[in-house]
Protein backbone atom coordinates (compact mmCIF):
# COMPACT_ATOMS: atom_id res chain seq x y z
CA MET A 1 67.69 78.93 106.76
CA CYS A 2 70.45 80.86 105.01
CA LEU A 3 71.26 78.02 102.62
CA ASP A 4 67.54 77.43 102.07
CA ALA A 5 67.10 81.01 100.89
CA LEU A 6 70.34 81.22 98.92
CA GLY A 7 69.40 77.98 97.22
CA GLN A 8 66.50 79.79 95.55
CA VAL A 9 68.78 82.22 93.68
CA ASP A 10 71.48 81.71 91.11
CA ILE A 11 74.49 81.08 93.31
CA GLY A 12 76.77 78.04 93.54
CA THR A 13 76.83 75.77 96.58
CA GLU A 14 80.43 76.75 97.52
CA GLU A 15 79.73 80.49 97.37
CA ALA A 16 76.42 80.04 99.27
CA LEU A 17 78.28 78.19 102.06
CA VAL A 18 80.77 81.05 102.37
CA VAL A 19 78.02 83.69 102.59
CA ALA A 20 76.06 81.61 105.10
CA ASP A 21 79.19 80.96 107.21
CA SER A 22 80.11 84.64 107.27
CA LEU A 23 76.58 85.64 108.35
CA LEU A 24 76.36 82.89 111.00
CA ASP A 25 79.79 83.78 112.36
CA ALA A 26 78.76 87.42 112.91
CA SER A 27 75.48 86.42 114.56
CA LEU A 28 77.19 83.92 116.88
CA ARG A 29 79.70 86.60 117.91
CA GLY A 30 76.88 88.92 118.80
CA VAL A 31 77.36 91.27 115.80
CA ASP A 32 73.70 91.04 114.86
CA SER A 33 73.87 94.07 112.50
CA HIS A 34 76.13 92.05 110.18
CA GLY A 35 74.67 88.60 110.83
CA ILE A 36 71.74 86.69 109.45
CA ALA A 37 69.69 89.90 109.30
CA LEU A 38 71.80 90.74 106.17
CA LEU A 39 70.73 87.63 104.28
CA PRO A 40 68.20 89.60 102.24
CA LEU A 41 70.88 92.10 101.26
CA TYR A 42 72.87 89.43 99.37
CA ILE A 43 69.75 88.04 97.69
CA GLU A 44 68.55 91.50 96.65
CA ARG A 45 71.91 92.24 95.09
CA ILE A 46 72.12 88.88 93.31
CA ARG A 47 68.62 89.43 91.97
CA SER A 48 69.51 92.94 90.76
CA GLY A 49 72.74 91.77 89.07
CA GLN A 50 74.98 93.89 91.31
CA ILE A 51 76.48 90.68 92.68
CA VAL A 52 77.46 88.25 89.95
CA PRO A 53 77.96 84.68 91.32
CA GLY A 54 80.60 82.48 89.79
CA ARG A 55 83.27 85.20 89.45
CA SER A 56 86.76 84.55 90.83
CA LEU A 57 89.63 86.91 91.45
CA LEU A 58 91.49 87.95 88.37
CA ALA A 59 95.16 88.83 88.92
CA LEU A 60 95.97 92.12 87.23
CA ARG A 61 99.41 92.19 88.85
CA ASP A 62 100.95 89.36 90.91
CA GLU A 63 104.37 89.56 92.47
CA GLU A 64 106.24 87.91 95.32
CA THR A 65 104.66 89.72 98.27
CA THR A 66 101.88 91.76 96.57
CA ALA A 67 98.96 91.39 94.16
CA LEU A 68 96.44 93.60 92.49
CA LEU A 69 93.23 91.58 92.05
CA ASP A 70 89.95 92.22 90.20
CA GLY A 71 86.86 90.74 91.92
CA GLN A 72 84.74 91.20 88.76
CA HIS A 73 81.78 92.14 90.97
CA GLY A 74 81.51 88.62 92.37
CA VAL A 75 80.20 87.35 95.69
CA GLY A 76 81.91 89.50 98.30
CA PRO A 77 82.60 86.97 101.06
CA ALA A 78 84.00 84.45 98.56
CA LEU A 79 86.23 87.06 97.04
CA ALA A 80 87.52 88.31 100.43
CA CYS A 81 88.34 84.73 101.50
CA GLN A 82 90.25 84.10 98.28
CA ALA A 83 92.05 87.40 98.76
CA ILE A 84 93.29 86.89 102.33
CA ASP A 85 94.11 83.27 101.53
CA ARG A 86 96.28 84.59 98.64
CA ALA A 87 97.99 86.95 101.04
CA THR A 88 98.58 84.13 103.46
CA GLU A 89 100.25 81.99 100.77
CA LYS A 90 102.63 84.85 99.98
CA ALA A 91 103.38 85.38 103.69
CA GLU A 92 104.21 81.67 104.01
CA ARG A 93 106.82 82.05 101.26
CA TYR A 94 108.12 85.55 101.87
CA GLY A 95 107.09 86.53 105.38
CA LEU A 96 104.66 89.21 104.18
CA GLY A 97 101.69 89.12 101.81
CA ALA A 98 99.53 92.10 100.83
CA VAL A 99 96.73 92.09 98.26
CA THR A 100 94.17 94.70 97.23
CA VAL A 101 90.93 93.99 95.37
CA LEU A 102 88.92 96.26 93.19
CA ASN A 103 85.47 95.63 91.78
CA SER A 104 84.59 93.75 94.99
CA ASN A 105 81.23 93.63 96.68
CA TYR A 106 79.74 93.89 100.15
CA ILE A 107 81.47 91.39 102.46
CA GLY A 108 79.97 91.92 105.94
CA ALA A 109 81.99 91.76 109.15
CA LEU A 110 85.72 91.71 108.67
CA ALA A 111 86.65 89.53 111.63
CA PHE A 112 85.56 86.47 109.59
CA TYR A 113 88.43 87.13 107.15
CA ALA A 114 91.10 88.62 109.45
CA VAL A 115 91.15 85.53 111.69
CA ARG A 116 91.81 83.04 108.82
CA PRO A 117 95.65 83.42 108.83
CA CYS A 118 95.76 82.79 112.62
CA SER A 119 95.30 79.02 111.96
CA ASN A 120 98.75 79.28 110.29
CA GLY A 121 100.21 81.20 113.19
CA MET A 122 100.09 84.48 111.33
CA VAL A 123 98.62 87.92 111.79
CA GLY A 124 95.76 89.05 109.54
CA ILE A 125 94.81 92.68 108.89
CA CYS A 126 92.06 93.76 106.45
CA THR A 127 89.99 96.82 105.45
CA ALA A 128 87.04 97.55 103.19
CA ASN A 129 85.59 100.83 101.98
CA ALA A 130 81.88 101.56 101.67
CA THR A 131 79.06 103.98 100.85
CA PRO A 132 80.08 107.57 101.82
CA ARG A 133 77.73 108.04 104.73
CA VAL A 134 80.34 109.37 107.13
CA ALA A 135 81.34 113.02 107.36
CA PRO A 136 85.05 113.79 107.93
CA HIS A 137 85.98 115.38 111.22
CA GLY A 138 84.74 118.96 111.06
CA GLY A 139 82.57 118.27 107.97
CA ALA A 140 78.84 118.13 107.45
CA GLN A 141 78.61 115.89 104.38
CA GLY A 142 79.54 112.25 103.88
CA VAL A 143 82.87 111.64 102.19
CA HIS A 144 83.59 107.97 102.98
CA GLY A 145 81.92 104.90 104.47
CA THR A 146 81.83 103.41 107.91
CA ASN A 147 85.08 101.85 106.51
CA PRO A 148 85.77 98.92 108.85
CA LEU A 149 89.24 97.78 109.84
CA ALA A 150 90.08 94.50 111.54
CA PHE A 151 93.08 92.59 112.80
CA ALA A 152 93.53 89.12 114.32
CA ALA A 153 96.61 87.73 116.00
CA PRO A 154 97.26 84.25 117.37
CA MET A 155 97.79 83.71 121.12
CA LYS A 156 99.28 80.69 122.89
CA ASP A 157 96.71 78.13 124.04
CA ALA A 158 93.83 80.61 123.60
CA PRO A 159 91.56 82.06 120.94
CA PRO A 160 93.24 84.84 118.95
CA PHE A 161 92.99 88.57 119.45
CA VAL A 162 90.17 89.68 117.05
CA PHE A 163 89.60 93.42 116.73
CA ASP A 164 86.97 94.58 114.25
CA ILE A 165 85.65 98.17 114.22
CA SER A 166 83.90 100.63 111.99
CA THR A 167 85.71 103.90 111.78
CA GLY A 168 82.37 105.62 111.49
CA HIS A 169 79.35 105.27 113.85
CA SER A 170 76.97 102.44 112.97
CA GLY A 171 74.01 103.12 110.77
CA ALA A 172 72.45 99.87 112.13
CA LYS A 173 72.06 101.52 115.54
CA ILE A 174 70.20 104.34 113.97
CA LYS A 175 67.97 101.98 112.08
CA LYS A 176 67.17 100.05 115.27
CA ALA A 177 66.35 103.27 117.10
CA LEU A 178 64.12 104.23 114.26
CA ASP A 179 62.34 100.88 114.34
CA ASP A 180 62.02 101.02 118.15
CA GLY A 181 60.84 104.66 118.18
CA THR A 182 63.68 105.73 120.42
CA THR A 183 66.32 108.47 120.23
CA ILE A 184 69.98 107.94 119.41
CA PRO A 185 72.98 108.91 121.52
CA PRO A 186 74.35 112.43 120.91
CA ASP A 187 77.45 112.97 118.78
CA ILE A 188 76.99 110.10 116.36
CA ALA A 189 75.07 111.73 113.51
CA LEU A 190 74.07 114.98 111.84
CA ASP A 191 70.82 115.87 110.13
CA ARG A 192 70.49 116.99 106.50
CA GLU A 193 71.46 120.57 107.49
CA GLY A 194 74.63 119.39 109.17
CA GLN A 195 73.27 119.93 112.71
CA PRO A 196 73.87 117.44 115.54
CA THR A 197 70.74 115.39 116.24
CA VAL A 198 69.37 112.68 118.54
CA ASP A 199 66.36 112.13 116.32
CA ALA A 200 66.62 108.74 114.62
CA GLN A 201 64.75 109.78 111.48
CA ALA A 202 66.81 112.94 111.04
CA ALA A 203 69.97 110.96 111.54
CA PHE A 204 68.79 108.31 109.08
CA ASP A 205 68.27 111.03 106.48
CA GLY A 206 71.51 112.75 107.38
CA VAL A 207 75.12 111.58 107.85
CA LEU A 208 77.11 109.63 110.34
CA LEU A 209 80.04 111.00 112.31
CA PRO A 210 83.46 109.29 112.64
CA VAL A 211 84.20 107.34 115.85
CA GLY A 212 86.47 109.33 118.05
CA GLY A 213 86.41 112.47 115.91
CA ALA A 214 89.72 113.04 114.15
CA LEU A 215 90.90 109.55 115.07
CA GLY A 216 88.05 107.78 113.32
CA SER A 217 88.20 110.24 110.43
CA GLY A 218 91.89 109.65 109.77
CA LEU A 219 91.48 105.88 110.02
CA GLY A 220 88.45 105.98 107.73
CA LEU A 221 90.57 107.75 105.09
CA LEU A 222 93.35 105.24 105.57
CA VAL A 223 90.86 102.45 104.89
CA ASP A 224 89.84 104.14 101.60
CA LEU A 225 93.46 104.55 100.63
CA LEU A 226 94.26 100.88 101.28
CA SER A 227 91.07 99.40 99.95
CA ALA A 228 90.70 101.62 96.84
CA GLY A 229 93.70 103.93 96.44
CA LEU A 230 96.17 101.09 96.01
CA ALA A 231 93.94 99.34 93.47
CA GLY A 232 92.93 102.53 91.65
CA GLY A 233 89.31 101.75 92.33
CA PRO A 234 86.33 103.94 93.36
CA ILE A 235 87.23 105.91 96.42
CA GLY A 236 85.35 108.07 98.97
CA PRO A 237 82.22 109.71 97.43
CA GLU A 238 82.65 107.61 94.24
CA ILE A 239 81.05 104.53 95.99
CA PRO A 240 77.30 104.54 95.20
CA PRO A 241 74.69 104.65 97.95
CA HIS A 242 73.87 101.18 99.36
CA THR A 243 70.31 101.54 98.06
CA GLU A 244 71.49 101.78 94.43
CA LEU A 245 71.27 98.20 93.20
CA ALA A 246 71.24 98.74 89.51
CA ALA A 247 74.91 99.82 89.14
CA PRO A 248 78.06 97.99 90.34
CA TYR A 249 78.86 98.69 93.99
CA GLY A 250 82.59 98.94 93.24
CA CYS A 251 83.97 98.83 96.78
CA GLY A 252 87.48 97.52 97.52
CA PHE A 253 89.16 95.18 99.98
CA PHE A 254 92.71 95.07 101.31
CA ALA A 255 94.44 92.26 103.19
CA LEU A 256 97.81 92.14 104.84
CA VAL A 257 99.27 88.95 106.34
CA ILE A 258 102.44 88.87 108.52
CA ASP A 259 104.30 85.77 109.45
CA PRO A 260 105.96 86.25 112.88
CA GLN A 261 108.37 83.36 112.03
CA ARG A 262 110.31 85.90 109.97
CA PHE A 263 110.71 88.07 113.04
CA GLY A 264 111.00 86.71 116.54
CA GLY A 265 109.20 83.47 115.71
CA GLN A 266 105.63 82.27 115.76
CA GLU A 267 105.85 80.65 119.20
CA VAL A 268 107.43 83.73 120.72
CA PHE A 269 104.77 85.97 119.19
CA ALA A 270 101.94 83.77 120.43
CA GLU A 271 103.43 83.68 123.92
CA ARG A 272 103.94 87.43 124.00
CA GLY A 273 100.39 87.91 122.83
CA ARG A 274 99.03 85.68 125.56
CA PHE A 275 101.09 87.50 128.16
CA LEU A 276 99.79 90.88 126.97
CA ALA A 277 96.20 89.65 127.01
CA ASP A 278 96.46 88.11 130.43
CA THR A 279 98.18 91.22 131.81
CA THR A 280 95.43 93.45 130.39
CA ARG A 281 92.67 91.33 131.90
CA GLN A 282 94.27 91.70 135.31
CA ILE A 283 94.14 95.48 135.27
CA LYS A 284 91.80 97.01 137.91
CA PRO A 285 88.47 97.87 136.22
CA ALA A 286 87.46 101.50 136.03
CA PRO A 287 84.18 102.68 137.61
CA GLY A 288 81.22 101.24 135.75
CA PHE A 289 83.12 98.24 134.48
CA ASP A 290 83.13 94.79 136.10
CA GLN A 291 86.10 93.49 134.12
CA VAL A 292 88.78 94.45 131.55
CA ARG A 293 88.56 92.61 128.27
CA VAL A 294 90.88 92.32 125.25
CA PRO A 295 89.68 92.24 121.64
CA GLY A 296 87.80 89.03 120.98
CA ASP A 297 86.78 88.27 124.60
CA ARG A 298 83.18 89.52 124.36
CA ALA A 299 82.66 87.78 121.02
CA GLU A 300 83.99 84.45 122.37
CA GLN A 301 81.69 84.70 125.41
CA GLU A 302 78.72 85.52 123.29
CA LYS A 303 79.52 82.72 120.80
CA THR A 304 79.66 80.15 123.55
CA LEU A 305 76.29 81.40 124.93
CA ARG A 306 74.60 81.44 121.50
CA GLN A 307 75.84 78.07 120.51
CA GLU A 308 74.15 76.68 123.61
CA HIS A 309 70.95 78.74 123.60
CA GLY A 310 70.60 79.89 120.00
CA ILE A 311 70.70 83.25 118.23
CA PRO A 312 68.07 85.60 119.67
CA VAL A 313 65.60 86.97 117.07
CA THR A 314 62.67 89.22 117.89
CA GLN A 315 59.33 88.91 116.20
CA ARG A 316 59.87 92.26 114.48
CA GLN A 317 63.29 91.30 113.22
CA TRP A 318 62.03 87.96 111.87
CA GLN A 319 59.04 89.62 110.15
CA SER A 320 61.27 92.20 108.57
CA LEU A 321 63.69 89.56 107.31
CA VAL A 322 60.88 87.44 105.87
CA ALA A 323 59.23 90.36 104.17
CA ARG A 324 62.45 91.32 102.38
CA LEU A 325 62.99 87.76 101.23
CA VAL A 326 59.45 87.50 99.93
CA ASP A 327 59.97 90.74 97.97
CA CYS A 328 62.86 88.86 96.25
CA ASP A 329 60.58 85.88 95.47
CA VAL A 330 62.34 83.83 98.07
CA THR A 331 60.50 81.76 100.68
CA PRO A 332 62.33 80.89 103.92
CA LEU A 333 61.81 77.11 104.20
CA ARG A 334 62.99 76.73 107.80
CA LEU A 335 61.79 78.83 110.64
CA PRO A 336 63.80 79.43 113.82
CA ASP A 337 62.79 77.24 116.74
CA THR A 338 61.83 80.23 118.86
CA VAL A 339 61.12 83.86 117.96
CA SER A 340 60.70 86.13 120.95
């Protein structure tokens, strides 16, 4: 379905495949907010000219272990893959590789990119800044985005650690509550007047709060510094609202790749990671939990389940997706086998 829809807009086959792969990966891992539901977002931005297909990374500065790259407002997932692959190449030669990208675009869930260096036995870390919908700790106005941060690390004879979080609370949860007519949990959003709210509409019109208070706020600022500060790109409130499609989005992306071979060795690192994961899983669960997981466990379990039974889509979700595609003069050619 994703390729059918993307095939109706001006985007090359290779870039369309990367976008589709990134969306499908998120959906299979159970991250539905960043999965196939976001297909219309890419098409809307391509139609508006905010995303310009066919653009590659332009090196503004390229040294042994670092690079400053210009995404030229191209297709976000393709740019992010190119960037972390460039960092991986540097790490293979010098042990470390760090690149920062300005004039990037929306790239979706970061785990898709962070995990790529693991196939080479390396650690991947990446960040991306976004629309300023999150208030700083103690503030009542948005100053930076949900600003995700992700890392992935290889483990011996097992899938890698994959940790992917937003430093601010998810706007997708608020939108779902709004669609379902339910309230939201306390302490995740403020209304327009800066007051805490559990009303989904008031939260949708207001601002999000950082995850973990000062912790999420500090990490959110770090993401902006790495993704935009290093590149000299738009930072914090300079990023336009996600609803503004006429102007460039201007977000940034940062990738750091580390080769354990330059330290204790790749095999040692992978073995130590496996030991740490196994030890963590054996910890006695706290009340209310049936097991202790490590980053990546839930996603791997969900992926196995969904590969067998399919990606669940409700009738309302499907109708919303189709309506947005139709608004972009795109007709979904293939329907899911079952829509609940």
